[in-house]
């Protein structure tokens, strides 16, 4: 049996990590894979509303998400935000063929939006290969 391990970018806050870890890894990776096929890019942002009865994720190519989410920001302001600055693969220092994406968690009740880069490594079980 294969196992997938999610890893978080250095500097992810403990609170954001806790929220991200509460999401089913299978669902995150499924949404990422569907988005890569839909948008024909691996540079993906997944958005989820925490604490609400919303099913699933919204997915965007990172460039489209930046244009939508940061439309009122100047180029200088955008240049320092992690999502606008680097693709998740670069932030995670992962090869392009490994899953890596930005996760944005909207917590509307608290008026908070958090983000983190997430990568995944597929660990193949040696017994499954023989």
N, C-alpha and C. Protein backbone atom coordinates (compact mmCIF):
# COMPACT_ATOMS: atom_id res chain seq x y z
N UNK A 1 0.84 -1.17 0.00
CA UNK A 1 0.00 0.00 0.00
C UNK A 1 0.89 1.24 0.00
N UNK A 2 0.50 2.24 -0.75
CA UNK A 2 1.23 3.49 -0.81
C UNK A 2 0.72 4.45 0.25
N UNK A 3 1.60 5.34 0.68
CA UNK A 3 1.24 6.32 1.69
C UNK A 3 1.71 7.69 1.20
N UNK A 4 0.88 8.69 1.38
CA UNK A 4 1.23 10.04 0.98
C UNK A 4 1.42 10.87 2.23
N UNK A 5 2.53 11.59 2.27
CA UNK A 5 2.84 12.45 3.41
C UNK A 5 2.77 13.90 2.97
N UNK A 6 1.94 14.70 3.65
CA UNK A 6 1.88 16.13 3.38
C UNK A 6 2.94 16.83 4.20
N UNK A 7 3.61 17.79 3.58
CA UNK A 7 4.61 18.58 4.29
C UNK A 7 4.26 20.05 4.11
N UNK A 8 4.64 20.85 5.09
CA UNK A 8 4.30 22.26 5.09
C UNK A 8 5.56 23.09 4.92
N UNK A 9 5.40 24.24 4.29
CA UNK A 9 6.53 25.14 4.08
C UNK A 9 7.05 25.63 5.42
N UNK A 10 8.35 25.85 5.46
CA UNK A 10 9.00 26.42 6.64
C UNK A 10 8.33 27.75 6.95
N UNK A 11 8.05 27.99 8.20
CA UNK A 11 7.44 29.25 8.61
C UNK A 11 5.93 29.21 8.70
N UNK A 12 5.31 28.06 8.40
CA UNK A 12 3.86 27.96 8.54
C UNK A 12 3.51 28.08 10.01
N UNK A 13 2.56 28.95 10.32
CA UNK A 13 2.19 29.17 11.72
C UNK A 13 1.54 27.91 12.30
N UNK A 14 1.70 27.69 13.60
CA UNK A 14 1.08 26.51 14.21
C UNK A 14 -0.44 26.48 14.02
N UNK A 15 -1.08 27.64 14.08
CA UNK A 15 -2.54 27.68 13.90
C UNK A 15 -2.94 27.29 12.49
N UNK A 16 -2.21 27.82 11.51
CA UNK A 16 -2.52 27.49 10.12
C UNK A 16 -2.26 26.02 9.85
N UNK A 17 -1.19 25.51 10.40
CA UNK A 17 -0.86 24.10 10.23
C UNK A 17 -1.96 23.21 10.83
N UNK A 18 -2.45 23.59 12.00
CA UNK A 18 -3.51 22.83 12.66
C UNK A 18 -4.78 22.80 11.80
N UNK A 19 -5.14 23.95 11.25
CA UNK A 19 -6.32 24.02 10.39
C UNK A 19 -6.11 23.17 9.14
N UNK A 20 -4.94 23.30 8.51
CA UNK A 20 -4.65 22.54 7.29
C UNK A 20 -4.64 21.03 7.57
N UNK A 21 -4.07 20.64 8.69
CA UNK A 21 -4.01 19.21 9.04
C UNK A 21 -5.39 18.64 9.35
N UNK A 22 -6.36 19.50 9.65
CA UNK A 22 -7.71 19.01 9.93
C UNK A 22 -8.46 18.64 8.64
N UNK A 23 -7.92 19.06 7.51
CA UNK A 23 -8.54 18.73 6.23
C UNK A 23 -8.04 17.37 5.76
N UNK A 24 -8.91 16.54 5.21
CA UNK A 24 -8.48 15.22 4.76
C UNK A 24 -7.43 15.32 3.65
N UNK A 25 -6.25 14.72 3.85
CA UNK A 25 -5.20 14.77 2.82
C UNK A 25 -5.67 14.26 1.46
N UNK A 26 -6.47 13.21 1.47
CA UNK A 26 -6.98 12.66 0.20
C UNK A 26 -7.76 13.73 -0.56
N UNK A 27 -8.62 14.47 0.15
CA UNK A 27 -9.43 15.50 -0.48
C UNK A 27 -8.56 16.63 -1.04
N UNK A 28 -7.53 17.02 -0.28
CA UNK A 28 -6.62 18.06 -0.76
C UNK A 28 -5.93 17.63 -2.06
N UNK A 29 -5.39 16.43 -2.05
CA UNK A 29 -4.66 15.95 -3.23
C UNK A 29 -5.59 15.71 -4.41
N UNK A 30 -6.80 15.24 -4.14
CA UNK A 30 -7.78 15.05 -5.22
C UNK A 30 -8.13 16.40 -5.85
N UNK A 31 -8.36 17.41 -5.02
CA UNK A 31 -8.68 18.74 -5.54
C UNK A 31 -7.51 19.31 -6.33
N UNK A 32 -6.29 19.08 -5.85
CA UNK A 32 -5.10 19.55 -6.57
C UNK A 32 -5.00 18.88 -7.94
N UNK A 33 -5.15 17.57 -7.97
CA UNK A 33 -5.04 16.84 -9.24
C UNK A 33 -6.12 17.25 -10.24
N UNK A 34 -7.34 17.43 -9.74
CA UNK A 34 -8.42 17.88 -10.62
C UNK A 34 -8.13 19.27 -11.17
N UNK A 35 -7.59 20.15 -10.32
CA UNK A 35 -7.27 21.51 -10.76
C UNK A 35 -6.16 21.52 -11.79
N UNK A 36 -5.15 20.65 -11.61
CA UNK A 36 -4.05 20.63 -12.58
C UNK A 36 -4.56 20.18 -13.96
N UNK A 37 -5.50 19.25 -13.97
CA UNK A 37 -6.08 18.82 -15.25
C UNK A 37 -6.97 19.92 -15.84
N UNK A 38 -7.77 20.54 -15.01
CA UNK A 38 -8.70 21.57 -15.48
C UNK A 38 -7.97 22.77 -16.05
N UNK A 39 -6.95 23.25 -15.34
CA UNK A 39 -6.27 24.48 -15.73
C UNK A 39 -4.97 24.25 -16.50
N UNK A 40 -4.58 23.00 -16.66
CA UNK A 40 -3.37 22.64 -17.39
C UNK A 40 -2.13 23.34 -16.82
N UNK A 41 -2.04 23.40 -15.50
CA UNK A 41 -0.88 23.95 -14.80
C UNK A 41 -0.78 23.29 -13.43
N UNK A 42 0.44 23.23 -12.90
CA UNK A 42 0.63 22.71 -11.55
C UNK A 42 0.74 23.85 -10.54
N UNK A 43 0.64 25.09 -11.00
CA UNK A 43 0.74 26.28 -10.14
C UNK A 43 -0.67 26.64 -9.66
N UNK A 44 -1.09 25.96 -8.58
CA UNK A 44 -2.49 25.95 -8.14
C UNK A 44 -2.64 26.55 -6.74
N UNK A 45 -3.78 27.22 -6.54
CA UNK A 45 -4.22 27.68 -5.22
C UNK A 45 -5.55 27.01 -4.94
N UNK A 46 -5.64 26.35 -3.78
CA UNK A 46 -6.90 25.77 -3.32
C UNK A 46 -7.43 26.65 -2.20
N UNK A 47 -8.73 26.96 -2.24
CA UNK A 47 -9.36 27.82 -1.24
C UNK A 47 -10.47 27.05 -0.57
N UNK A 48 -10.52 27.12 0.75
CA UNK A 48 -11.58 26.47 1.51
C UNK A 48 -12.06 27.43 2.59
N UNK A 49 -13.35 27.39 2.86
CA UNK A 49 -13.94 28.20 3.92
C UNK A 49 -14.04 27.32 5.16
N UNK A 50 -13.28 27.64 6.19
CA UNK A 50 -13.26 26.84 7.42
C UNK A 50 -14.44 27.22 8.30
N UNK A 51 -14.94 26.23 9.02
CA UNK A 51 -16.00 26.48 9.98
C UNK A 51 -17.37 26.67 9.36
N UNK A 52 -17.49 26.42 8.08
CA UNK A 52 -18.77 26.54 7.40
C UNK A 52 -19.13 25.18 6.81
N UNK A 53 -20.38 25.03 6.46
CA UNK A 53 -20.84 23.78 5.86
C UNK A 53 -20.63 23.80 4.35
N UNK A 54 -19.45 24.20 3.95
CA UNK A 54 -19.12 24.24 2.53
C UNK A 54 -18.35 22.98 2.18
N UNK A 55 -18.80 22.30 1.17
CA UNK A 55 -18.14 21.07 0.74
C UNK A 55 -17.11 21.41 -0.34
N UNK A 56 -15.95 20.84 -0.21
CA UNK A 56 -14.96 20.94 -1.27
C UNK A 56 -14.15 22.23 -1.25
N UNK A 57 -13.40 22.38 -2.31
CA UNK A 57 -12.46 23.48 -2.45
C UNK A 57 -12.77 24.24 -3.72
N UNK A 58 -12.42 25.52 -3.72
CA UNK A 58 -12.37 26.28 -4.96
C UNK A 58 -10.92 26.21 -5.40
N UNK A 59 -10.71 26.05 -6.68
CA UNK A 59 -9.35 25.96 -7.20
C UNK A 59 -9.14 27.04 -8.26
N UNK A 60 -7.92 27.57 -8.28
CA UNK A 60 -7.56 28.61 -9.23
C UNK A 60 -6.12 28.39 -9.68
N UNK A 61 -5.81 28.76 -10.92
CA UNK A 61 -4.40 28.92 -11.23
C UNK A 61 -3.88 30.07 -10.36
N UNK A 62 -2.65 30.00 -9.89
CA UNK A 62 -2.14 31.01 -8.97
C UNK A 62 -2.25 32.42 -9.57
N UNK A 63 -1.95 32.57 -10.85
CA UNK A 63 -2.03 33.90 -11.47
C UNK A 63 -3.44 34.47 -11.41
N UNK A 64 -4.46 33.65 -11.64
CA UNK A 64 -5.84 34.11 -11.57
C UNK A 64 -6.23 34.46 -10.13
N UNK A 65 -5.78 33.64 -9.18
CA UNK A 65 -6.08 33.93 -7.79
C UNK A 65 -5.47 35.27 -7.37
N UNK A 66 -4.23 35.50 -7.76
CA UNK A 66 -3.55 36.76 -7.42
C UNK A 66 -4.32 37.95 -7.97
N UNK A 67 -4.74 37.86 -9.22
CA UNK A 67 -5.49 38.97 -9.83
C UNK A 67 -6.80 39.23 -9.10
N UNK A 68 -7.45 38.18 -8.66
CA UNK A 68 -8.73 38.33 -7.96
C UNK A 68 -8.53 38.80 -6.52
N UNK A 69 -7.67 38.12 -5.78
CA UNK A 69 -7.53 38.38 -4.34
C UNK A 69 -6.76 39.65 -4.02
N UNK A 70 -5.84 40.02 -4.91
CA UNK A 70 -4.99 41.17 -4.63
C UNK A 70 -5.25 42.33 -5.60
N UNK A 71 -6.44 42.43 -6.12
CA UNK A 71 -6.73 43.43 -7.14
C UNK A 71 -6.54 44.87 -6.66
N UNK A 72 -6.66 45.10 -5.36
CA UNK A 72 -6.50 46.46 -4.83
C UNK A 72 -5.10 46.74 -4.30
N UNK A 73 -4.23 45.75 -4.40
CA UNK A 73 -2.86 45.90 -3.91
C UNK A 73 -1.97 46.47 -5.00
N UNK A 74 -0.96 47.23 -4.60
CA UNK A 74 0.03 47.71 -5.55
C UNK A 74 1.00 46.57 -5.87
N UNK A 75 1.77 46.74 -6.92
CA UNK A 75 2.78 45.73 -7.27
C UNK A 75 3.77 45.54 -6.13
N UNK A 76 4.13 46.61 -5.46
CA UNK A 76 5.07 46.52 -4.33
C UNK A 76 4.47 45.70 -3.19
N UNK A 77 3.21 45.92 -2.89
CA UNK A 77 2.54 45.13 -1.84
C UNK A 77 2.46 43.66 -2.24
N UNK A 78 2.11 43.40 -3.48
CA UNK A 78 2.02 42.02 -3.96
C UNK A 78 3.37 41.31 -3.87
N UNK A 79 4.43 42.03 -4.16
CA UNK A 79 5.75 41.40 -4.24
C UNK A 79 6.23 40.81 -2.91
N UNK A 80 5.62 41.20 -1.80
CA UNK A 80 6.05 40.66 -0.51
C UNK A 80 5.11 39.58 0.03
N UNK A 81 3.95 39.40 -0.60
CA UNK A 81 3.04 38.35 -0.12
C UNK A 81 3.51 37.01 -0.66
N UNK A 82 3.57 35.98 0.18
CA UNK A 82 4.13 34.69 -0.25
C UNK A 82 3.45 34.09 -1.48
N UNK A 83 2.13 34.15 -1.57
CA UNK A 83 1.44 33.56 -2.72
C UNK A 83 1.81 34.30 -4.00
N UNK A 84 1.84 35.61 -3.93
CA UNK A 84 2.15 36.41 -5.12
C UNK A 84 3.63 36.31 -5.49
N UNK A 85 4.45 36.05 -4.51
CA UNK A 85 5.90 36.05 -4.72
C UNK A 85 6.40 34.78 -5.41
N UNK A 86 5.97 33.61 -4.96
CA UNK A 86 6.53 32.34 -5.45
C UNK A 86 5.47 31.28 -5.66
N UNK A 87 5.66 30.43 -6.67
CA UNK A 87 4.83 29.23 -6.77
C UNK A 87 5.11 28.31 -5.57
N UNK A 88 4.17 27.48 -5.24
CA UNK A 88 4.34 26.55 -4.11
C UNK A 88 5.53 25.62 -4.33
N UNK A 89 5.74 25.18 -5.57
CA UNK A 89 6.87 24.28 -5.84
C UNK A 89 8.20 24.95 -5.48
N UNK A 90 8.33 26.21 -5.80
CA UNK A 90 9.56 26.94 -5.48
C UNK A 90 9.66 27.14 -3.98
N UNK A 91 8.57 27.53 -3.35
CA UNK A 91 8.57 27.76 -1.90
C UNK A 91 8.93 26.48 -1.14
N UNK A 92 8.44 25.34 -1.64
CA UNK A 92 8.67 24.06 -0.99
C UNK A 92 9.98 23.41 -1.45
N UNK A 93 10.60 23.96 -2.49
CA UNK A 93 11.79 23.40 -3.10
C UNK A 93 11.56 21.95 -3.52
N UNK A 94 10.47 21.77 -4.26
CA UNK A 94 10.06 20.44 -4.71
C UNK A 94 10.12 20.36 -6.24
N UNK A 95 10.38 19.18 -6.77
CA UNK A 95 10.37 19.02 -8.22
C UNK A 95 8.98 19.29 -8.79
N UNK A 96 8.94 19.71 -10.02
CA UNK A 96 7.68 20.07 -10.67
C UNK A 96 6.70 18.90 -10.77
N UNK A 97 7.21 17.65 -10.77
CA UNK A 97 6.31 16.51 -10.89
C UNK A 97 5.75 16.03 -9.54
N UNK A 98 6.14 16.68 -8.45
CA UNK A 98 5.57 16.37 -7.13
C UNK A 98 4.44 17.33 -6.83
N UNK A 99 3.39 16.87 -6.17
CA UNK A 99 2.30 17.78 -5.83
C UNK A 99 2.77 18.86 -4.85
N UNK A 100 2.49 20.11 -5.19
CA UNK A 100 2.74 21.24 -4.30
C UNK A 100 1.75 22.34 -4.69
N UNK A 101 1.12 22.94 -3.69
CA UNK A 101 0.10 23.94 -3.97
C UNK A 101 -0.03 24.89 -2.79
N UNK A 102 -0.67 26.01 -3.03
CA UNK A 102 -1.00 26.95 -1.97
C UNK A 102 -2.39 26.61 -1.46
N UNK A 103 -2.54 26.59 -0.15
CA UNK A 103 -3.85 26.42 0.48
C UNK A 103 -4.22 27.73 1.15
N UNK A 104 -5.40 28.24 0.82
CA UNK A 104 -5.92 29.44 1.46
C UNK A 104 -7.14 29.03 2.26
N UNK A 105 -7.14 29.37 3.54
CA UNK A 105 -8.26 29.04 4.43
C UNK A 105 -8.92 30.35 4.84
N UNK A 106 -10.19 30.48 4.48
CA UNK A 106 -10.96 31.67 4.83
C UNK A 106 -11.79 31.36 6.07
N UNK A 107 -11.56 32.12 7.12
CA UNK A 107 -12.31 31.97 8.36
C UNK A 107 -13.15 33.23 8.53
N UNK A 108 -14.30 33.24 7.87
CA UNK A 108 -15.13 34.44 7.78
C UNK A 108 -15.60 34.95 9.13
N UNK A 109 -15.97 34.04 10.03
CA UNK A 109 -16.47 34.47 11.35
C UNK A 109 -15.43 35.27 12.13
N UNK A 110 -14.15 34.91 11.98
CA UNK A 110 -13.08 35.61 12.68
C UNK A 110 -12.49 36.74 11.83
N UNK A 111 -12.90 36.83 10.57
CA UNK A 111 -12.35 37.83 9.68
C UNK A 111 -10.89 37.57 9.33
N UNK A 112 -10.52 36.29 9.25
CA UNK A 112 -9.13 35.90 9.02
C UNK A 112 -9.02 35.09 7.73
N UNK A 113 -7.96 35.35 7.00
CA UNK A 113 -7.62 34.52 5.85
C UNK A 113 -6.17 34.09 6.06
N UNK A 114 -5.93 32.79 6.06
CA UNK A 114 -4.58 32.26 6.23
C UNK A 114 -4.16 31.48 5.00
N UNK A 115 -2.86 31.35 4.82
CA UNK A 115 -2.38 30.57 3.69
C UNK A 115 -1.11 29.82 4.07
N UNK A 116 -0.86 28.75 3.34
CA UNK A 116 0.39 28.01 3.50
C UNK A 116 0.65 27.20 2.24
N UNK A 117 1.91 26.95 1.99
CA UNK A 117 2.31 26.09 0.88
C UNK A 117 2.38 24.67 1.43
N UNK A 118 1.82 23.75 0.66
CA UNK A 118 1.80 22.34 1.05
C UNK A 118 2.38 21.52 -0.10
N UNK A 119 3.21 20.57 0.25
CA UNK A 119 3.74 19.63 -0.72
C UNK A 119 3.40 18.22 -0.29
N UNK A 120 3.57 17.28 -1.19
CA UNK A 120 3.27 15.88 -0.86
C UNK A 120 4.32 14.97 -1.46
N UNK A 121 4.69 13.98 -0.69
CA UNK A 121 5.59 12.93 -1.15
C UNK A 121 4.84 11.62 -1.12
N UNK A 122 4.92 10.89 -2.20
CA UNK A 122 4.32 9.57 -2.26
C UNK A 122 5.35 8.57 -1.80
N UNK A 123 5.05 7.87 -0.74
CA UNK A 123 5.96 6.84 -0.21
C UNK A 123 5.42 5.49 -0.65
N UNK A 124 6.16 4.85 -1.52
CA UNK A 124 5.75 3.54 -2.02
C UNK A 124 6.17 2.47 -1.03
N UNK A 125 5.25 1.62 -0.73
CA UNK A 125 5.50 0.51 0.17
C UNK A 125 6.31 -0.54 -0.59
N UNK A 126 7.44 -0.94 -0.03
CA UNK A 126 8.32 -1.90 -0.68
C UNK A 126 7.59 -3.24 -0.93
N UNK A 127 6.71 -3.64 -0.03
CA UNK A 127 5.98 -4.88 -0.20
C UNK A 127 5.04 -4.81 -1.40
N UNK A 128 4.51 -3.63 -1.67
CA UNK A 128 3.60 -3.48 -2.82
C UNK A 128 4.35 -3.55 -4.13
N UNK A 129 5.64 -3.27 -4.12
CA UNK A 129 6.42 -3.29 -5.35
C UNK A 129 6.90 -4.69 -5.72
N UNK A 130 6.90 -5.61 -4.78
CA UNK A 130 7.42 -6.96 -5.08
C UNK A 130 6.33 -7.90 -5.52
